[in-house]
Each structure stands twice: as structure tokens, then as C-alpha cells.
Amino acid sequence: MKEEREKIAILGCGWLGLPLAKSLLSKGYEVKGSTTSESKLEVLKNAGISPFQIQLEEHQIIGNMEDFLKETDVLVIDIPPGLRREISSSNEMTFVNKVKTLIAFIEKSDVQKVVFVSSTSVYGDSFPIVEITEETKPNPDTESGKQLVIAEKLLQSNPHFKTTVIRFGGLLGENRHPVKFLAGRTNVENPDAPVNMIQREDCIGIIETVIDKGLRQAQSDNWEWNQTFNAVAPHHPTRKAYYHKKAKILNLPLPTFAENSESKGKIISSKKVETILGYSFQKEI
């Protein structure tokens, strides 16, 4: 157990946030967690998480955000954009506006360190397929990717606190696997594109490593909090090979792929996670 119980606030205790909160509790942290659902407050409380019902909207926050952020050492923001895939031409910055509203509350709080859960969708796909590092300029081809890029910049450029961004690839875990949505489909695009995925256990491990380094090793290894990390498993089979293999394992109908056009995509490098964080991936995709 830790001698001092650092306080972590997780905004968004959903598919990733809730097991992250439980894992942090097991490591001796004090954890506050938010949910938009009143019925889930009891779930958080029973797990030992201090529960808050908070609804983040474009121009207001419904709920006690002041107490949620009070005496917090690290704020983890895990609220997916939830936007349609196509880039909008109407300039409706719904998610960006929510982040702007949140930032105003963070500025007035004691929070000095933020972890922002982002996505490798900020890079978009390309032809020819190239390797992507954190130095690659984002070029999103989805609305959510576009707004994530803006949100990242807003958070990392704010002088009142420091933000580390973690860009996760496709999320896997429990019963969550994209092959279930592709099973039996025909003419699926980009058969030769590399997959960029990560298991939930590794997402949690990477976030915890960032938090632990940021709070405990800043003086010993010149750790800087304001960083960006790509986080995907270091194995990149083609979409066709990967989804055929997984469909067979799960006894699902095989998807068929469009073979008559060049594939576009990207290879996300997680070398920075492995070298700077010293993190070793635990789970195969």
C-alpha cells in the first residue's frame, strides 16, 4: 500500500474508466469516478469509488464538478466524442465545446495534471501505408478524429495545468471485438491494411504507468508530464488475415474482402510507450 493516498478523478467510468478505477484502487490510490447514470452511482460506491453523477454538456456541466475536482492529484478524462464518422461541414464542434466547458472548471480547481484519453483516429488512413509516430502530423478523416485533435491542443496548450495525451488504437476486451460487426459481411474494404489494436488490460496498464511516473518519478528520471503517446499492440497483421483468424476462433461467418483495389491504412508505432514509459505489452490482440 502507498504511504500517501494520492487522489485520482476519472471523468467517465464506462467500459474503460470503471475497470481502471478498480485497478487504481487496488494499488492504493483514492479514486473518484463520474457517471451520467443515476443507477450506476451504487455500482461505483460498492466498488469503493467515490461516486459523482456528472453530465458534461456544451455550455454547462450538470453535477458537482467542484467537489469532483477538489484535492485531485490527477484527472483522467475518458469521454469519447460519440460523433458520426463523416467530417461535418456545418462546424458543429459539439465535443470541442464540451471540452472548453470542462477546461474552465479545471482552471479553477487544484488539478495540475490531466490524462486525456484520445484515439489514433487523429491520424486518418493513407495510401501508401506508412508508419505513424507521435511526430506525425495528425490528419483526421473522421469527425471524431477532427474534434479530438482540437481538444488535445486546447488541453495541452493551457497554462494552468499539464496534459498527457494517450492515443489508443482499436479497443479490445471482454465481449468487445470488431470481428462481430464484420462477420459475414461482403466486400469489406482495405484487406491489406494493418490492424492497430490494443487490449483493455494494456490501456489500463499504460494509464497507470503514466500516473505513477508522473507522481513518483518526476525527480529521478527527468520525467515531463506534457507528452503524447500512441498506444497500440506492436503486432500488425493485415485486416483480412486478422479478421479471418478471429472469426474462425469465435465460430463466426468469415467476412469477405474487396480485393480489386489498393488498401489504405497506417501502422501505428508504440515505441515511445515502450522506451519512455518502459511499458511492456501484456496481452495479444
Protein backbone atom coordinates (compact mmCIF):
# COMPACT_ATOMS: atom_id res chain seq x y z
CA MET A 1 0.00 0.00 0.00
CA LYS A 2 1.05 3.55 -0.64
CA GLU A 3 2.11 5.70 2.32
CA GLU A 4 0.07 8.59 0.93
CA ARG A 5 -3.19 8.07 -0.87
CA GLU A 6 -2.99 10.22 -3.98
CA LYS A 7 -6.38 11.17 -5.36
CA ILE A 8 -7.34 10.28 -8.92
CA ALA A 9 -10.56 11.53 -10.52
CA ILE A 10 -11.85 9.63 -13.55
CA LEU A 11 -14.32 11.56 -15.68
CA GLY A 12 -16.22 8.79 -17.41
CA CYS A 13 -16.41 5.44 -15.60
CA GLY A 14 -17.54 3.40 -18.56
CA TRP A 15 -16.08 0.41 -20.40
CA LEU A 16 -12.50 1.55 -19.75
CA GLY A 17 -12.91 4.01 -16.89
CA LEU A 18 -14.59 1.67 -14.41
CA PRO A 19 -12.02 -1.16 -14.53
CA LEU A 20 -9.28 1.49 -14.49
CA ALA A 21 -10.78 2.92 -11.32
CA LYS A 22 -10.94 -0.53 -9.69
CA SER A 23 -7.33 -1.23 -10.64
CA LEU A 24 -6.13 2.09 -9.24
CA LEU A 25 -7.99 1.37 -6.00
CA SER A 26 -6.22 -1.97 -5.72
CA LYS A 27 -2.90 -0.12 -5.97
CA GLY A 28 -3.71 2.18 -3.07
CA TYR A 29 -4.99 5.29 -4.81
CA GLU A 30 -8.10 7.10 -3.67
CA VAL A 31 -10.45 7.27 -6.64
CA LYS A 32 -13.39 9.47 -7.57
CA GLY A 33 -15.44 8.46 -10.56
CA SER A 34 -18.19 10.05 -12.62
CA THR A 35 -21.15 8.60 -14.44
CA THR A 36 -24.09 10.17 -16.26
CA SER A 37 -26.43 7.46 -14.93
CA GLU A 38 -28.01 7.70 -11.50
CA SER A 39 -28.43 3.92 -11.42
CA LYS A 40 -24.68 3.42 -11.77
CA LEU A 41 -23.81 5.50 -8.71
CA GLU A 42 -24.41 2.48 -6.47
CA VAL A 43 -22.11 0.37 -8.66
CA LEU A 44 -19.30 2.87 -8.18
CA LYS A 45 -19.93 3.17 -4.46
CA ASN A 46 -19.96 -0.60 -3.94
CA ALA A 47 -16.61 -0.82 -5.73
CA GLY A 48 -15.07 1.69 -3.31
CA ILE A 49 -15.12 4.57 -5.78
CA SER A 50 -16.42 7.96 -4.60
CA PRO A 51 -19.37 8.40 -6.98
CA PHE A 52 -20.41 11.56 -8.79
CA GLN A 53 -23.24 12.00 -11.28
CA ILE A 54 -21.93 14.45 -13.85
CA GLN A 55 -23.29 15.35 -17.26
CA LEU A 56 -20.91 17.28 -19.50
CA GLU A 57 -22.74 19.48 -21.99
CA GLU A 58 -21.60 22.09 -24.49
CA HIS A 59 -22.18 25.13 -22.31
CA GLN A 60 -22.71 23.75 -18.83
CA ILE A 61 -21.88 20.87 -16.53
CA ILE A 62 -24.71 19.26 -14.60
CA GLY A 63 -23.42 17.92 -11.30
CA ASN A 64 -20.96 18.82 -8.57
CA MET A 65 -17.84 19.29 -10.65
CA GLU A 66 -16.19 21.46 -7.98
CA ASP A 67 -16.14 18.64 -5.42
CA PHE A 68 -15.24 16.11 -8.09
CA LEU A 69 -12.06 18.04 -8.88
CA LYS A 70 -11.31 19.13 -5.31
CA GLU A 71 -7.94 17.96 -3.94
CA THR A 72 -7.36 15.86 -7.07
CA ASP A 73 -3.79 14.95 -8.00
CA VAL A 74 -4.58 13.60 -11.47
CA LEU A 75 -7.72 13.99 -13.58
CA VAL A 76 -8.32 11.27 -16.19
CA ILE A 77 -10.68 12.39 -18.98
CA ASP A 78 -12.26 9.39 -20.68
CA ILE A 79 -15.27 10.72 -22.56
CA PRO A 80 -15.47 9.56 -26.19
CA PRO A 81 -16.67 12.12 -28.74
CA GLY A 82 -19.56 9.93 -29.89
CA LEU A 83 -19.76 11.68 -33.25
CA ARG A 84 -20.76 10.33 -36.62
CA ARG A 85 -17.93 9.16 -38.84
CA GLU A 86 -18.07 11.71 -41.64
CA ILE A 87 -16.38 15.06 -41.18
CA SER A 88 -19.08 17.67 -40.81
CA SER A 89 -19.22 20.77 -42.96
CA SER A 90 -21.51 22.56 -40.53
CA ASN A 91 -18.78 23.41 -38.00
CA GLU A 92 -20.72 21.84 -35.12
CA MET A 93 -17.93 21.48 -32.57
CA THR A 94 -20.05 19.60 -30.04
CA PHE A 95 -17.24 17.66 -28.36
CA VAL A 96 -14.81 20.57 -28.54
CA ASN A 97 -17.35 22.82 -26.83
CA LYS A 98 -17.77 20.26 -24.05
CA VAL A 99 -14.01 20.20 -23.52
CA LYS A 100 -13.90 24.01 -23.43
CA THR A 101 -16.59 23.98 -20.75
CA LEU A 102 -14.64 21.38 -18.78
CA ILE A 103 -11.39 23.34 -19.04
CA ALA A 104 -12.98 26.34 -17.35
CA PHE A 105 -13.69 24.16 -14.31
CA ILE A 106 -10.22 22.60 -14.30
CA GLU A 107 -8.64 26.07 -14.35
CA LYS A 108 -10.49 26.99 -11.15
CA SER A 109 -9.54 23.75 -9.39
CA ASP A 110 -6.36 22.43 -7.78
CA VAL A 111 -5.79 19.97 -10.62
CA GLN A 112 -2.31 20.29 -12.14
CA LYS A 113 -2.07 17.02 -14.06
CA VAL A 114 -4.51 15.67 -16.65
CA VAL A 115 -4.55 12.44 -18.67
CA PHE A 116 -6.65 12.74 -21.82
CA VAL A 117 -7.78 9.51 -23.46
CA SER A 118 -7.67 10.11 -27.20
CA SER A 119 -7.55 7.92 -30.30
CA THR A 120 -5.26 7.05 -33.20
CA SER A 121 -8.15 8.18 -35.43
CA VAL A 122 -6.49 11.61 -35.28
CA TYR A 123 -4.06 10.37 -37.96
CA GLY A 124 -6.50 9.10 -40.56
CA ASP A 125 -5.62 6.49 -43.17
CA SER A 126 -3.30 6.96 -46.13
CA PHE A 127 -2.07 5.39 -49.33
CA PRO A 128 0.62 4.27 -49.48
CA ILE A 129 0.53 2.87 -45.95
CA VAL A 130 3.22 4.44 -43.75
CA GLU A 131 4.41 4.13 -40.15
CA ILE A 132 2.96 6.70 -37.78
CA THR A 133 4.78 8.07 -34.74
CA GLU A 134 3.92 10.81 -32.28
CA GLU A 135 5.88 13.19 -34.52
CA THR A 136 3.48 12.58 -37.41
CA LYS A 137 1.14 15.48 -38.03
CA PRO A 138 -2.49 14.49 -37.38
CA ASN A 139 -4.66 14.31 -40.47
CA PRO A 140 -8.08 13.01 -39.35
CA ASP A 141 -10.61 11.71 -41.85
CA THR A 142 -13.48 11.39 -39.36
CA GLU A 143 -15.45 13.98 -37.43
CA SER A 144 -14.47 12.48 -34.07
CA GLY A 145 -10.80 12.47 -35.07
CA LYS A 146 -11.01 16.09 -36.15
CA GLN A 147 -12.52 17.21 -32.85
CA LEU A 148 -10.12 15.09 -30.81
CA VAL A 149 -7.17 16.93 -32.40
CA ILE A 150 -8.65 20.28 -31.39
CA ALA A 151 -9.45 19.04 -27.87
CA GLU A 152 -5.89 17.75 -27.43
CA LYS A 153 -4.46 21.14 -28.41
CA LEU A 154 -6.82 23.01 -26.09
CA LEU A 155 -5.79 20.86 -23.15
CA GLN A 156 -2.06 20.73 -23.82
CA SER A 157 -1.73 24.45 -24.52
CA ASN A 158 -3.48 25.52 -21.32
CA PRO A 159 -1.01 27.14 -18.90
CA HIS A 160 -2.98 26.27 -15.76
CA PHE A 161 -2.29 22.52 -15.88
CA LYS A 162 -0.30 19.92 -17.80
CA THR A 163 -1.89 17.27 -20.01
CA THR A 164 -0.54 13.94 -21.21
CA VAL A 165 -2.45 12.57 -24.21
CA ILE A 166 -2.73 8.84 -24.84
CA ARG A 167 -3.94 7.89 -28.32
CA PHE A 168 -5.33 4.37 -28.16
CA GLY A 169 -5.97 2.19 -31.19
CA GLY A 170 -8.98 -0.07 -31.58
CA LEU A 171 -10.12 -1.22 -28.15
CA LEU A 172 -10.50 -4.91 -27.37
CA GLY A 173 -11.63 -6.74 -24.25
CA GLU A 174 -14.33 -8.87 -22.66
CA ASN A 175 -17.02 -9.31 -25.30
CA ARG A 176 -15.87 -6.32 -27.31
CA HIS A 177 -14.34 -7.24 -30.66
CA PRO A 178 -14.91 -5.64 -34.08
CA VAL A 179 -14.98 -9.02 -35.84
CA LYS A 180 -18.52 -9.43 -34.52
CA PHE A 181 -19.63 -6.49 -36.64
CA LEU A 182 -17.77 -7.72 -39.71
CA ALA A 183 -18.80 -11.38 -39.52
CA GLY A 184 -20.45 -12.49 -42.75
CA ARG A 185 -20.15 -9.09 -44.40
CA THR A 186 -19.12 -8.88 -48.01
CA ASN A 187 -16.86 -6.52 -49.95
CA VAL A 188 -15.12 -5.23 -46.80
CA GLU A 189 -12.56 -2.58 -47.74
CA ASN A 190 -8.81 -2.45 -47.18
CA PRO A 191 -7.94 -6.15 -46.80
CA ASP A 192 -4.18 -5.45 -46.70
CA ALA A 193 -4.33 -2.58 -44.21
CA PRO A 194 -2.51 -3.27 -40.92
CA VAL A 195 -4.62 -3.51 -37.77
CA ASN A 196 -3.82 -1.20 -34.86
CA MET A 197 -5.49 -2.54 -31.74
CA ILE A 198 -4.95 -2.80 -28.01
CA GLN A 199 -6.43 -4.87 -25.20
CA ARG A 200 -8.15 -3.09 -22.33
CA GLU A 201 -5.66 -4.52 -19.81
CA ASP A 202 -2.85 -2.75 -21.64
CA CYS A 203 -4.84 0.50 -21.81
CA ILE A 204 -5.16 0.37 -18.03
CA GLY A 205 -1.50 -0.54 -17.59
CA ILE A 206 -0.32 2.36 -19.73
CA ILE A 207 -2.54 4.92 -17.98
CA GLU A 208 -1.37 3.65 -14.60
CA THR A 209 2.27 3.84 -15.69
CA VAL A 210 1.80 7.46 -16.79
CA ILE A 211 0.15 8.32 -13.47
CA ASP A 212 2.76 6.51 -11.39
CA LYS A 213 5.69 8.04 -13.27
CA GLY A 214 4.13 11.48 -13.15
CA LEU A 215 3.54 11.38 -9.41
CA ARG A 216 6.54 9.38 -8.20
CA GLN A 217 9.46 9.54 -10.59
CA ALA A 218 9.47 13.12 -11.82
CA GLN A 219 12.64 13.96 -9.95
CA SER A 220 14.53 10.77 -10.68
CA ASP A 221 14.32 10.43 -14.45
CA ASN A 222 13.58 13.91 -15.80
CA TRP A 223 10.00 12.87 -16.48
CA GLU A 224 7.93 15.51 -18.25
CA TRP A 225 4.17 15.28 -17.88
CA ASN A 226 3.12 17.12 -21.05
CA GLN A 227 3.55 14.27 -23.53
CA THR A 228 1.69 12.41 -26.25
CA PHE A 229 1.78 8.63 -26.59
CA ASN A 230 0.49 6.30 -29.27
CA ALA A 231 -0.74 3.08 -27.68
CA VAL A 232 -1.41 0.01 -29.79
CA ALA A 233 -0.10 -3.55 -29.58
CA PRO A 234 3.18 -3.93 -31.52
CA HIS A 235 1.75 -6.68 -33.76
CA HIS A 236 0.13 -5.51 -37.03
CA PRO A 237 -1.38 -8.32 -39.14
CA THR A 238 -3.47 -7.40 -42.17
CA ARG A 239 -7.18 -6.85 -41.72
CA LYS A 240 -8.01 -9.88 -43.86
CA ALA A 241 -5.67 -12.26 -42.03
CA TYR A 242 -6.63 -10.95 -38.60
CA TYR A 243 -10.41 -10.95 -39.01
CA HIS A 244 -10.45 -14.34 -40.72
CA LYS A 245 -8.43 -15.80 -37.84
CA LYS A 246 -10.68 -14.25 -35.18
CA ALA A 247 -13.88 -15.25 -36.98
CA LYS A 248 -12.72 -18.86 -37.04
CA ILE A 249 -11.79 -18.78 -33.35
CA LEU A 250 -15.23 -17.38 -32.44
CA ASN A 251 -17.03 -19.67 -34.91
CA LEU A 252 -18.43 -16.72 -36.86
CA PRO A 253 -19.07 -16.42 -40.60
CA LEU A 254 -15.94 -15.17 -42.35
CA PRO A 255 -16.11 -11.69 -43.84
CA THR A 256 -15.10 -11.37 -47.48
CA PHE A 257 -12.89 -8.52 -48.58
CA ALA A 258 -12.73 -6.29 -51.64
CA GLU A 259 -9.63 -7.47 -53.45
CA ASN A 260 -9.87 -5.24 -56.53
CA SER A 261 -8.47 -2.01 -55.05
CA GLU A 262 -5.38 -0.87 -53.18
CA SER A 263 -5.66 -0.82 -49.41
CA LYS A 264 -5.12 2.33 -47.40
CA GLY A 265 -4.32 2.50 -43.72
CA LYS A 266 -1.50 3.14 -41.27
CA ILE A 267 0.97 1.38 -38.98
CA ILE A 268 0.90 2.98 -35.55
CA SER A 269 4.21 2.79 -33.70
CA SER A 270 4.11 2.39 -29.91
CA LYS A 271 7.88 2.54 -29.49
CA LYS A 272 7.64 5.66 -27.35
CA VAL A 273 5.39 3.84 -24.85
CA GLU A 274 7.96 1.07 -24.62
CA THR A 275 11.04 3.30 -24.39
CA ILE A 276 9.93 6.41 -22.48
CA LEU A 277 7.41 4.68 -20.20
CA GLY A 278 9.30 1.40 -20.10
CA TYR A 279 6.00 -0.39 -20.62
CA SER A 280 5.81 -3.96 -21.95
CA PHE A 281 2.57 -5.00 -23.61
CA GLN A 282 0.90 -7.83 -21.71
CA LYS A 283 -1.91 -9.03 -23.97
CA GLU A 284 -2.00 -10.21 -27.57
CA ILE A 285 -4.68 -8.69 -29.77
